[in-house]
Amino acid sequence: MKLAKEMEVQELKAKSDSQFVANQVTGEFQTKDPLLAKYLEKVKKMAKHFATFELLYVPREQNSRADLLAKLA
């Protein structure tokens, strides 16, 4: 999100292999853990910099490219 903001992206669609995180961002799940609540607040604040922001859940087995990148990191 930081990089997209710096690049002045207006419409951002991000993908996550964490259903838990994706559902917290969409508001389907509540965030009770104080540390996770801080991260969620930061995501919501950064999302306001985009005309549209969408976080999609993609199971890891359906996203082999992102899984490969994560392993390289």
C-alpha atoms as a PDB file:
ATOM      1  CA  MET A   1       0.000   0.000   0.000  1.00  0.00           C
ATOM      2  CA  LYS A   2       2.867   2.341   0.766  1.00  0.00           C
ATOM      3  CA  LEU A   3       4.440   1.778  -2.622  1.00  0.00           C
ATOM      4  CA  ALA A   4       1.115   2.189  -4.421  1.00  0.00           C
ATOM      5  CA  LYS A   5       0.530   5.444  -2.551  1.00  0.00           C
ATOM      6  CA  GLU A   6       3.991   6.731  -3.493  1.00  0.00           C
ATOM      7  CA  MET A   7       3.264   5.835  -7.115  1.00  0.00           C
ATOM      8  CA  GLU A   8      -0.011   7.796  -6.867  1.00  0.00           C
ATOM      9  CA  VAL A   9      -2.123   4.767  -7.729  1.00  0.00           C
ATOM     10  CA  GLN A  10      -5.816   5.654  -7.636  1.00  0.00           C
ATOM     11  CA  GLU A  11      -7.426   2.204  -7.739  1.00  0.00           C
ATOM     12  CA  LEU A  12      -5.793  -0.583  -5.757  1.00  0.00           C
ATOM     13  CA  LYS A  13      -6.821  -4.214  -5.714  1.00  0.00           C
ATOM     14  CA  ALA A  14      -4.656  -6.300  -3.393  1.00  0.00           C
ATOM     15  CA  LYS A  15      -4.701 -10.023  -2.713  1.00  0.00           C
ATOM     16  CA  SER A  16      -4.068 -11.894   0.516  1.00  0.00           C
ATOM     17  CA  ASP A  17      -3.745 -15.582   1.244  1.00  0.00           C
ATOM     18  CA  SER A  18      -5.078 -14.898   4.737  1.00  0.00           C
ATOM     19  CA  GLN A  19      -8.848 -15.192   4.865  1.00  0.00           C
ATOM     20  CA  PHE A  20      -8.690 -13.892   8.430  1.00  0.00           C
ATOM     21  CA  VAL A  21      -6.947 -10.660   7.408  1.00  0.00           C
ATOM     22  CA  ALA A  22      -9.116 -10.129   4.334  1.00  0.00           C
ATOM     23  CA  ASN A  23     -12.293 -10.556   6.372  1.00  0.00           C
ATOM     24  CA  GLN A  24     -11.057  -8.149   9.046  1.00  0.00           C
ATOM     25  CA  VAL A  25     -10.420  -5.483   6.418  1.00  0.00           C
ATOM     26  CA  THR A  26     -13.865  -5.980   4.860  1.00  0.00           C
ATOM     27  CA  GLY A  27     -15.484  -5.855   8.298  1.00  0.00           C
ATOM     28  CA  GLU A  28     -16.808  -9.414   8.190  1.00  0.00           C
ATOM     29  CA  PHE A  29     -14.622 -10.369  11.174  1.00  0.00           C
ATOM     30  CA  GLN A  30     -14.078  -8.312  14.301  1.00  0.00           C
ATOM     31  CA  THR A  31     -10.565  -7.496  15.439  1.00  0.00           C
ATOM     32  CA  LYS A  32     -10.199  -8.118  19.143  1.00  0.00           C
ATOM     33  CA  ASP A  33      -6.417  -8.408  19.462  1.00  0.00           C
ATOM     34  CA  PRO A  34      -4.961  -4.943  20.219  1.00  0.00           C
ATOM     35  CA  LEU A  35      -1.939  -5.433  17.946  1.00  0.00           C
ATOM     36  CA  LEU A  36      -4.083  -6.579  15.025  1.00  0.00           C
ATOM     37  CA  ALA A  37      -6.437  -3.657  15.654  1.00  0.00           C
ATOM     38  CA  LYS A  38      -3.506  -1.258  15.174  1.00  0.00           C
ATOM     39  CA  TYR A  39      -2.607  -2.872  11.856  1.00  0.00           C
ATOM     40  CA  LEU A  40      -6.235  -2.784  10.732  1.00  0.00           C
ATOM     41  CA  GLU A  41      -6.514   0.903  11.606  1.00  0.00           C
ATOM     42  CA  LYS A  42      -3.365   1.606   9.599  1.00  0.00           C
ATOM     43  CA  VAL A  43      -4.762  -0.264   6.585  1.00  0.00           C
ATOM     44  CA  LYS A  44      -8.038   1.653   6.798  1.00  0.00           C
ATOM     45  CA  LYS A  45      -6.196   4.955   7.068  1.00  0.00           C
ATOM     46  CA  MET A  46      -4.010   4.164   4.064  1.00  0.00           C
ATOM     47  CA  ALA A  47      -7.034   2.934   2.072  1.00  0.00           C
ATOM     48  CA  LYS A  48      -8.436   6.462   2.210  1.00  0.00           C
ATOM     49  CA  HIS A  49      -5.603   7.594  -0.082  1.00  0.00           C
ATOM     50  CA  PHE A  50      -7.073   5.575  -2.956  1.00  0.00           C
ATOM     51  CA  ALA A  51     -10.221   6.256  -4.941  1.00  0.00           C
ATOM     52  CA  THR A  52     -10.972   2.546  -4.562  1.00  0.00           C
ATOM     53  CA  PHE A  53      -9.310  -0.126  -2.452  1.00  0.00           C
ATOM     54  CA  GLU A  54     -10.179  -3.793  -2.442  1.00  0.00           C
ATOM     55  CA  LEU A  55      -8.513  -6.639  -0.572  1.00  0.00           C
ATOM     56  CA  LEU A  56      -9.345 -10.049  -1.956  1.00  0.00           C
ATOM     57  CA  TYR A  57      -8.784 -13.423  -0.354  1.00  0.00           C
ATOM     58  CA  VAL A  58      -7.022 -15.878  -2.647  1.00  0.00           C
ATOM     59  CA  PRO A  59      -6.175 -19.299  -1.196  1.00  0.00           C
ATOM     60  CA  ARG A  60      -2.456 -19.994  -1.333  1.00  0.00           C
ATOM     61  CA  GLU A  61      -2.909 -23.072  -3.509  1.00  0.00           C
ATOM     62  CA  GLN A  62      -4.638 -20.864  -6.105  1.00  0.00           C
ATOM     63  CA  ASN A  63      -1.916 -18.245  -6.032  1.00  0.00           C
ATOM     64  CA  SER A  64       1.323 -20.101  -6.694  1.00  0.00           C
ATOM     65  CA  ARG A  65       3.051 -16.970  -8.057  1.00  0.00           C
ATOM     66  CA  ALA A  66       2.596 -15.019  -4.809  1.00  0.00           C
ATOM     67  CA  ASP A  67       3.568 -18.091  -2.821  1.00  0.00           C
ATOM     68  CA  LEU A  68       6.794 -18.367  -4.808  1.00  0.00           C
ATOM     69  CA  LEU A  69       7.576 -14.671  -4.218  1.00  0.00           C
ATOM     70  CA  ALA A  70       6.930 -15.072  -0.487  1.00  0.00           C
ATOM     71  CA  LYS A  71       9.335 -18.014  -0.338  1.00  0.00           C
ATOM     72  CA  LEU A  72      12.016 -16.013  -2.165  1.00  0.00           C
ATOM     73  CA  ALA A  73      11.722 -13.203   0.355  1.00  0.00           C
END
